[in-house]
C-alpha atoms as a PDB file:
ATOM      1  CA  MET A   1     142.875  75.617 132.673  1.00  0.00           C
ATOM      2  CA  ASP A   2     142.321  77.430 129.392  1.00  0.00           C
ATOM      3  CA  GLN A   3     145.554  79.185 128.361  1.00  0.00           C
ATOM      4  CA  ALA A   4     145.728  78.445 124.634  1.00  0.00           C
ATOM      5  CA  VAL A   5     144.032  80.326 121.825  1.00  0.00           C
ATOM      6  CA  GLY A   6     142.254  79.248 118.661  1.00  0.00           C
ATOM      7  CA  PRO A   7     141.266  75.605 118.055  1.00  0.00           C
ATOM      8  CA  ALA A   8     143.412  74.299 120.917  1.00  0.00           C
ATOM      9  CA  ALA A   9     141.546  76.572 123.337  1.00  0.00           C
ATOM     10  CA  ALA A  10     138.265  74.994 122.281  1.00  0.00           C
ATOM     11  CA  VAL A  11     139.677  71.567 123.087  1.00  0.00           C
ATOM     12  CA  LEU A  12     140.954  72.733 126.482  1.00  0.00           C
ATOM     13  CA  LYS A  13     137.541  74.145 127.346  1.00  0.00           C
ATOM     14  CA  HIS A  14     135.820  70.940 126.273  1.00  0.00           C
ATOM     15  CA  VAL A  15     138.205  68.767 128.318  1.00  0.00           C
ATOM     16  CA  GLU A  16     137.664  70.966 131.364  1.00  0.00           C
ATOM     17  CA  GLU A  17     133.902  70.576 130.948  1.00  0.00           C
ATOM     18  CA  ILE A  18     133.941  66.797 130.625  1.00  0.00           C
ATOM     19  CA  ILE A  19     136.173  66.494 133.683  1.00  0.00           C
ATOM     20  CA  THR A  20     134.070  68.780 135.862  1.00  0.00           C
ATOM     21  CA  THR A  21     130.598  67.829 134.603  1.00  0.00           C
ATOM     22  CA  GLY A  22     131.288  64.249 133.590  1.00  0.00           C
ATOM     23  CA  GLY A  23     132.507  63.236 137.001  1.00  0.00           C
ATOM     24  CA  LEU A  24     135.901  62.050 135.794  1.00  0.00           C
ATOM     25  CA  LYS A  25     138.248  61.194 138.647  1.00  0.00           C
ATOM     26  CA  PRO A  26     142.056  60.987 138.763  1.00  0.00           C
ATOM     27  CA  GLY A  27     143.067  57.955 136.746  1.00  0.00           C
ATOM     28  CA  ASP A  28     139.960  58.018 134.519  1.00  0.00           C
ATOM     29  CA  ARG A  29     140.538  57.938 130.788  1.00  0.00           C
ATOM     30  CA  LEU A  30     139.658  60.889 128.555  1.00  0.00           C
ATOM     31  CA  PRO A  31     137.971  60.429 125.168  1.00  0.00           C
ATOM     32  CA  THR A  32     140.240  59.539 122.263  1.00  0.00           C
ATOM     33  CA  GLU A  33     141.857  62.202 120.070  1.00  0.00           C
ATOM     34  CA  ARG A  34     139.375  61.282 117.327  1.00  0.00           C
ATOM     35  CA  ASP A  35     136.395  61.721 119.664  1.00  0.00           C
ATOM     36  CA  LEU A  36     137.722  65.035 120.986  1.00  0.00           C
ATOM     37  CA  ALA A  37     138.243  66.282 117.439  1.00  0.00           C
ATOM     38  CA  ALA A  38     134.688  65.302 116.489  1.00  0.00           C
ATOM     39  CA  ALA A  39     133.199  66.860 119.624  1.00  0.00           C
ATOM     40  CA  THR A  40     134.977  70.182 119.177  1.00  0.00           C
ATOM     41  CA  GLY A  41     135.049  70.429 115.390  1.00  0.00           C
ATOM     42  CA  VAL A  42     138.815  70.919 115.214  1.00  0.00           C
ATOM     43  CA  GLY A  43     141.626  68.967 113.613  1.00  0.00           C
ATOM     44  CA  ARG A  44     143.624  66.220 115.296  1.00  0.00           C
ATOM     45  CA  ALA A  45     146.702  68.471 115.348  1.00  0.00           C
ATOM     46  CA  ALA A  46     144.868  70.991 117.552  1.00  0.00           C
ATOM     47  CA  VAL A  47     143.731  68.183 119.852  1.00  0.00           C
ATOM     48  CA  ARG A  48     147.276  66.902 120.216  1.00  0.00           C
ATOM     49  CA  ALA A  49     148.527  70.427 120.929  1.00  0.00           C
ATOM     50  CA  ALA A  50     145.917  70.872 123.657  1.00  0.00           C
ATOM     51  CA  LEU A  51     146.695  67.522 125.265  1.00  0.00           C
ATOM     52  CA  GLN A  52     150.413  68.310 125.164  1.00  0.00           C
ATOM     53  CA  ASP A  53     149.700  71.586 126.947  1.00  0.00           C
ATOM     54  CA  LEU A  54     147.675  69.785 129.620  1.00  0.00           C
ATOM     55  CA  GLU A  55     150.412  67.182 130.065  1.00  0.00           C
ATOM     56  CA  THR A  56     153.119  69.830 130.354  1.00  0.00           C
ATOM     57  CA  ARG A  57     151.123  71.442 133.169  1.00  0.00           C
ATOM     58  CA  GLY A  58     150.727  68.103 134.926  1.00  0.00           C
ATOM     59  CA  LEU A  59     146.945  67.934 134.511  1.00  0.00           C
ATOM     60  CA  VAL A  60     146.797  64.738 132.463  1.00  0.00           C
ATOM     61  CA  LEU A  61     148.989  61.696 131.933  1.00  0.00           C
ATOM     62  CA  ARG A  62     149.414  60.340 128.416  1.00  0.00           C
ATOM     63  CA  HIS A  63     150.484  56.815 127.498  1.00  0.00           C
ATOM     64  CA  VAL A  64     151.260  55.801 123.933  1.00  0.00           C
ATOM     65  CA  GLY A  65     148.858  53.106 122.802  1.00  0.00           C
ATOM     66  CA  ARG A  66     146.612  53.481 125.860  1.00  0.00           C
ATOM     67  CA  GLY A  67     145.262  57.013 125.869  1.00  0.00           C
ATOM     68  CA  THR A  68     145.123  60.096 128.072  1.00  0.00           C
ATOM     69  CA  PHE A  69     144.163  59.996 131.740  1.00  0.00           C
ATOM     70  CA  VAL A  70     143.226  62.565 134.376  1.00  0.00           C
ATOM     71  CA  ALA A  71     146.325  63.128 136.524  1.00  0.00           C
ATOM     72  CA  PRO A  72     146.259  62.272 140.227  1.00  0.00           C
ATOM     73  CA  ASP A  73     144.920  65.004 142.488  1.00  0.00           C
ATOM     74  CA  GLU A  74     147.949  66.574 144.113  1.00  0.00           C
ATOM     75  CA  THR A  75     145.884  67.641 147.104  1.00  0.00           C
ATOM     76  CA  ALA A  76     144.309  64.260 147.753  1.00  0.00           C
ATOM     77  CA  LEU A  77     145.349  62.055 150.652  1.00  0.00           C
ATOM     78  CA  PRO A  78     144.660  58.333 150.957  1.00  0.00           C
ATOM     79  CA  ASP A  79     141.776  57.428 153.258  1.00  0.00           C
ATOM     80  CA  GLY A  80     142.890  57.679 156.848  1.00  0.00           C
ATOM     81  CA  ALA A  81     146.120  59.503 156.093  1.00  0.00           C
ATOM     82  CA  ALA A  82     146.931  62.062 158.757  1.00  0.00           C
ATOM     83  CA  HIS A  83     149.787  63.809 156.972  1.00  0.00           C
ATOM     84  CA  GLN A  84     151.600  64.133 153.701  1.00  0.00           C
ATOM     85  CA  PRO A  85     154.444  61.597 153.442  1.00  0.00           C
ATOM     86  CA  SER A  86     157.907  63.016 153.982  1.00  0.00           C
ATOM     87  CA  PRO A  87     160.543  62.935 151.231  1.00  0.00           C
ATOM     88  CA  ALA A  88     162.345  60.223 153.240  1.00  0.00           C
ATOM     89  CA  GLU A  89     159.160  58.128 153.280  1.00  0.00           C
ATOM     90  CA  ILE A  90     158.671  58.673 149.562  1.00  0.00           C
ATOM     91  CA  MET A  91     162.217  57.595 148.751  1.00  0.00           C
ATOM     92  CA  ALA A  92     162.027  54.555 151.039  1.00  0.00           C
ATOM     93  CA  SER A  93     158.825  53.474 149.286  1.00  0.00           C
ATOM     94  CA  ARG A  94     160.291  54.025 145.844  1.00  0.00           C
ATOM     95  CA  LEU A  95     163.391  52.000 146.690  1.00  0.00           C
ATOM     96  CA  VAL A  96     161.229  49.107 147.879  1.00  0.00           C
ATOM     97  CA  LEU A  97     158.904  49.139 144.881  1.00  0.00           C
ATOM     98  CA  GLU A  98     160.493  50.476 141.737  1.00  0.00           C
ATOM     99  CA  PRO A  99     163.604  48.283 141.353  1.00  0.00           C
ATOM    100  CA  GLU A 100     161.572  45.152 142.077  1.00  0.00           C
ATOM    101  CA  LEU A 101     158.893  45.846 139.469  1.00  0.00           C
ATOM    102  CA  MET A 102     161.481  46.220 136.703  1.00  0.00           C
ATOM    103  CA  PRO A 103     161.839  42.486 135.892  1.00  0.00           C
ATOM    104  CA  LEU A 104     158.092  42.270 135.354  1.00  0.00           C
ATOM    105  CA  ALA A 105     158.208  45.399 133.186  1.00  0.00           C
ATOM    106  CA  VAL A 106     161.016  43.822 131.155  1.00  0.00           C
ATOM    107  CA  ALA A 107     159.014  40.631 130.676  1.00  0.00           C
ATOM    108  CA  SER A 108     155.714  42.344 129.857  1.00  0.00           C
ATOM    109  CA  ALA A 109     156.592  45.570 128.009  1.00  0.00           C
ATOM    110  CA  THR A 110     155.020  45.907 124.569  1.00  0.00           C
ATOM    111  CA  GLY A 111     156.150  48.032 121.666  1.00  0.00           C
ATOM    112  CA  ALA A 112     153.709  50.730 122.792  1.00  0.00           C
ATOM    113  CA  ASP A 113     155.181  50.644 126.300  1.00  0.00           C
ATOM    114  CA  LEU A 114     158.695  51.098 124.923  1.00  0.00           C
ATOM    115  CA  ALA A 115     157.485  53.969 122.723  1.00  0.00           C
ATOM    116  CA  GLU A 116     156.031  55.680 125.783  1.00  0.00           C
ATOM    117  CA  MET A 117     159.328  55.301 127.654  1.00  0.00           C
ATOM    118  CA  GLU A 118     161.177  56.817 124.709  1.00  0.00           C
ATOM    119  CA  ARG A 119     158.705  59.709 124.537  1.00  0.00           C
ATOM    120  CA  CYS A 120     159.240  60.464 128.213  1.00  0.00           C
ATOM    121  CA  LEU A 121     163.016  60.237 127.819  1.00  0.00           C
ATOM    122  CA  ARG A 122     162.973  62.821 125.023  1.00  0.00           C
ATOM    123  CA  GLY A 123     160.654  65.087 127.003  1.00  0.00           C
ATOM    124  CA  GLY A 124     162.946  64.932 130.030  1.00  0.00           C
ATOM    125  CA  GLU A 125     166.013  65.694 127.938  1.00  0.00           C
ATOM    126  CA  GLN A 126     164.351  68.776 126.461  1.00  0.00           C
ATOM    127  CA  ALA A 127     162.990  70.072 129.770  1.00  0.00           C
ATOM    128  CA  SER A 128     164.158  73.588 130.562  1.00  0.00           C
ATOM    129  CA  SER A 129     163.085  73.832 134.199  1.00  0.00           C
ATOM    130  CA  SER A 130     162.919  71.706 137.329  1.00  0.00           C
ATOM    131  CA  GLU A 131     159.125  71.643 137.171  1.00  0.00           C
ATOM    132  CA  GLU A 132     159.041  70.496 133.557  1.00  0.00           C
ATOM    133  CA  PHE A 133     161.684  67.835 134.165  1.00  0.00           C
ATOM    134  CA  GLU A 134     159.802  66.586 137.240  1.00  0.00           C
ATOM    135  CA  ARG A 135     156.664  66.060 135.147  1.00  0.00           C
ATOM    136  CA  TRP A 136     158.551  64.027 132.557  1.00  0.00           C
ATOM    137  CA  ASP A 137     160.455  62.178 135.283  1.00  0.00           C
ATOM    138  CA  THR A 138     157.175  61.242 136.960  1.00  0.00           C
ATOM    139  CA  ALA A 139     155.690  60.103 133.635  1.00  0.00           C
ATOM    140  CA  LEU A 140     158.745  57.980 132.830  1.00  0.00           C
ATOM    141  CA  HIS A 141     158.784  56.214 136.176  1.00  0.00           C
ATOM    142  CA  HIS A 142     155.043  55.593 135.916  1.00  0.00           C
ATOM    143  CA  SER A 143     155.556  54.151 132.424  1.00  0.00           C
ATOM    144  CA  PHE A 144     157.651  51.361 133.962  1.00  0.00           C
ATOM    145  CA  ALA A 145     154.773  50.439 136.262  1.00  0.00           C
ATOM    146  CA  VAL A 146     152.319  50.617 133.358  1.00  0.00           C
ATOM    147  CA  ALA A 147     154.580  48.277 131.377  1.00  0.00           C
ATOM    148  CA  THR A 148     154.064  45.552 133.997  1.00  0.00           C
ATOM    149  CA  HIS A 149     150.374  45.370 132.995  1.00  0.00           C
ATOM    150  CA  ASN A 150     149.663  44.713 136.669  1.00  0.00           C
ATOM    151  CA  ALA A 151     146.769  46.805 137.980  1.00  0.00           C
ATOM    152  CA  VAL A 152     147.990  46.687 141.586  1.00  0.00           C
ATOM    153  CA  LEU A 153     151.481  47.942 140.733  1.00  0.00           C
ATOM    154  CA  ILE A 154     150.033  50.651 138.483  1.00  0.00           C
ATOM    155  CA  SER A 155     147.774  51.817 141.334  1.00  0.00           C
ATOM    156  CA  VAL A 156     150.682  51.897 143.788  1.00  0.00           C
ATOM    157  CA  SER A 157     152.704  53.898 141.269  1.00  0.00           C
ATOM    158  CA  SER A 158     149.819  56.380 141.069  1.00  0.00           C
ATOM    159  CA  LEU A 159     149.956  56.747 144.863  1.00  0.00           C
ATOM    160  CA  LEU A 160     153.656  57.559 144.602  1.00  0.00           C
ATOM    161  CA  ILE A 161     152.867  60.168 141.956  1.00  0.00           C
ATOM    162  CA  ASN A 162     150.381  61.700 144.377  1.00  0.00           C
ATOM    163  CA  ALA A 163     152.988  61.751 147.115  1.00  0.00           C
ATOM    164  CA  ARG A 164     155.429  63.620 144.875  1.00  0.00           C
ATOM    165  CA  ARG A 165     152.898  66.368 144.129  1.00  0.00           C
ATOM    166  CA  GLN A 166     153.490  68.351 147.301  1.00  0.00           C
ATOM    167  CA  PRO A 167     155.404  71.561 147.999  1.00  0.00           C
ATOM    168  CA  ILE A 168     158.205  70.071 150.128  1.00  0.00           C
ATOM    169  CA  TRP A 169     159.123  67.495 147.484  1.00  0.00           C
ATOM    170  CA  GLY A 170     158.939  70.058 144.699  1.00  0.00           C
ATOM    171  CA  GLY A 171     161.103  72.436 146.715  1.00  0.00           C
ATOM    172  CA  LEU A 172     163.809  69.824 147.215  1.00  0.00           C
ATOM    173  CA  LYS A 173     163.823  68.932 143.537  1.00  0.00           C
ATOM    174  CA  ARG A 174     163.894  72.581 142.502  1.00  0.00           C
ATOM    175  CA  ARG A 175     166.825  73.466 144.791  1.00  0.00           C
ATOM    176  CA  SER A 176     168.860  70.485 143.644  1.00  0.00           C
ATOM    177  CA  PHE A 177     168.211  70.943 139.915  1.00  0.00           C
ATOM    178  CA  ASN A 178     171.090  72.141 137.749  1.00  0.00           C
ATOM    179  CA  PRO A 179     172.389  71.348 134.225  1.00  0.00           C
ATOM    180  CA  GLU A 180     174.910  68.770 135.448  1.00  0.00           C
ATOM    181  CA  ARG A 181     172.365  66.896 137.543  1.00  0.00           C
ATOM    182  CA  HIS A 182     169.819  67.115 134.737  1.00  0.00           C
ATOM    183  CA  HIS A 183     172.319  65.429 132.439  1.00  0.00           C
ATOM    184  CA  CYS A 184     173.133  62.740 135.029  1.00  0.00           C
ATOM    185  CA  TYR A 185     169.475  61.898 135.618  1.00  0.00           C
ATOM    186  CA  CYS A 186     168.809  61.693 131.868  1.00  0.00           C
ATOM    187  CA  THR A 187     171.799  59.367 131.427  1.00  0.00           C
ATOM    188  CA  GLU A 188     170.540  57.129 134.232  1.00  0.00           C
ATOM    189  CA  HIS A 189     167.073  57.091 132.715  1.00  0.00           C
ATOM    190  CA  GLU A 190     168.569  56.057 129.368  1.00  0.00           C
ATOM    191  CA  GLN A 191     170.333  53.159 131.064  1.00  0.00           C
ATOM    192  CA  ILE A 192     167.106  51.925 132.643  1.00  0.00           C
ATOM    193  CA  VAL A 193     165.183  52.096 129.378  1.00  0.00           C
ATOM    194  CA  ALA A 194     168.050  50.453 127.499  1.00  0.00           C
ATOM    195  CA  ALA A 195     167.913  47.498 129.893  1.00  0.00           C
ATOM    196  CA  VAL A 196     164.149  47.172 129.324  1.00  0.00           C
ATOM    197  CA  ARG A 197     164.646  47.382 125.567  1.00  0.00           C
ATOM    198  CA  GLU A 198     167.358  44.688 125.744  1.00  0.00           C
ATOM    199  CA  ARG A 199     165.114  42.479 127.928  1.00  0.00           C
ATOM    200  CA  ASP A 200     167.679  42.480 130.748  1.00  0.00           C
ATOM    201  CA  PRO A 201     165.722  42.127 134.021  1.00  0.00           C
ATOM    202  CA  GLN A 202     168.711  42.244 136.366  1.00  0.00           C
ATOM    203  CA  GLY A 203     170.231  45.157 134.491  1.00  0.00           C
ATOM    204  CA  ALA A 204     166.963  47.067 134.692  1.00  0.00           C
ATOM    205  CA  ARG A 205     166.620  46.360 138.426  1.00  0.00           C
ATOM    206  CA  ASP A 206     170.209  47.403 139.129  1.00  0.00           C
ATOM    207  CA  ALA A 207     169.991  50.542 136.983  1.00  0.00           C
ATOM    208  CA  MET A 208     166.786  51.615 138.734  1.00  0.00           C
ATOM    209  CA  ARG A 209     168.220  50.973 142.192  1.00  0.00           C
ATOM    210  CA  GLU A 210     171.402  52.906 141.388  1.00  0.00           C
ATOM    211  CA  HIS A 211     169.368  55.807 140.002  1.00  0.00           C
ATOM    212  CA  LEU A 212     167.098  56.000 143.059  1.00  0.00           C
ATOM    213  CA  HIS A 213     170.049  55.847 145.444  1.00  0.00           C
ATOM    214  CA  HIS A 214     171.520  58.791 143.537  1.00  0.00           C
ATOM    215  CA  VAL A 215     168.245  60.716 143.831  1.00  0.00           C
ATOM    216  CA  ARG A 216     168.115  59.928 147.548  1.00  0.00           C
ATOM    217  CA  ARG A 217     171.683  61.180 148.112  1.00  0.00           C
ATOM    218  CA  VAL A 218     170.891  64.402 146.244  1.00  0.00           C
ATOM    219  CA  LEU A 219     167.613  65.117 148.030  1.00  0.00           C
ATOM    220  CA  LEU A 220     168.308  63.823 151.529  1.00  0.00           C
ATOM    221  CA  GLY A 221     172.100  63.906 151.757  1.00  0.00           C
ATOM    222  CA  ASP A 222     172.447  60.358 153.056  1.00  0.00           C
ATOM    223  CA  HIS A 223     174.057  57.215 151.700  1.00  0.00           C
ATOM    224  CA  LEU A 224     171.621  54.485 152.719  1.00  0.00           C
END
């Protein structure tokens, strides 16, 4: 895990230790930036740099106003699962869930939730690779579930994140990624967030459904 140097490296080492020795599981919250700074004897800027590095590599999820959480285990399967879900299964599940949670996100989103959506938008726009964009894309879509403040929907969203952390999904996204598509996805994401910001539940639902249908056409080549 430790790739940085200097103060940030000390934070990375400490985080690795508290995850492995502290028994933290995917979804568990890490100590605050202040606590990490105190524990490692470094400044808050170094802590933020370390957490940004971990987020970029998909090892933690950060949510403005809520904290930093251990990312889902990409190798884990739900109890009783016999196989990794196919991309078609993933997209079918996303189309059932994500558009329909948007009205609740619109009704419940706080200022911190909107700030997190904006942060993920900017990260996705600045992404320079398929892998980096996928991490920001995942974080943005999860931020909509988090904005519902509904523990069940947040847990289901985490399961979808798990499903997306598999080679076949990553391969499809990587092969379909290009500057034009990157721009299109970012524009669609902006439209979804704009609808949440404007408290437009139907607009948010429609924008999410249109976006996911576009993703499905790109990845699977169908028009369902």
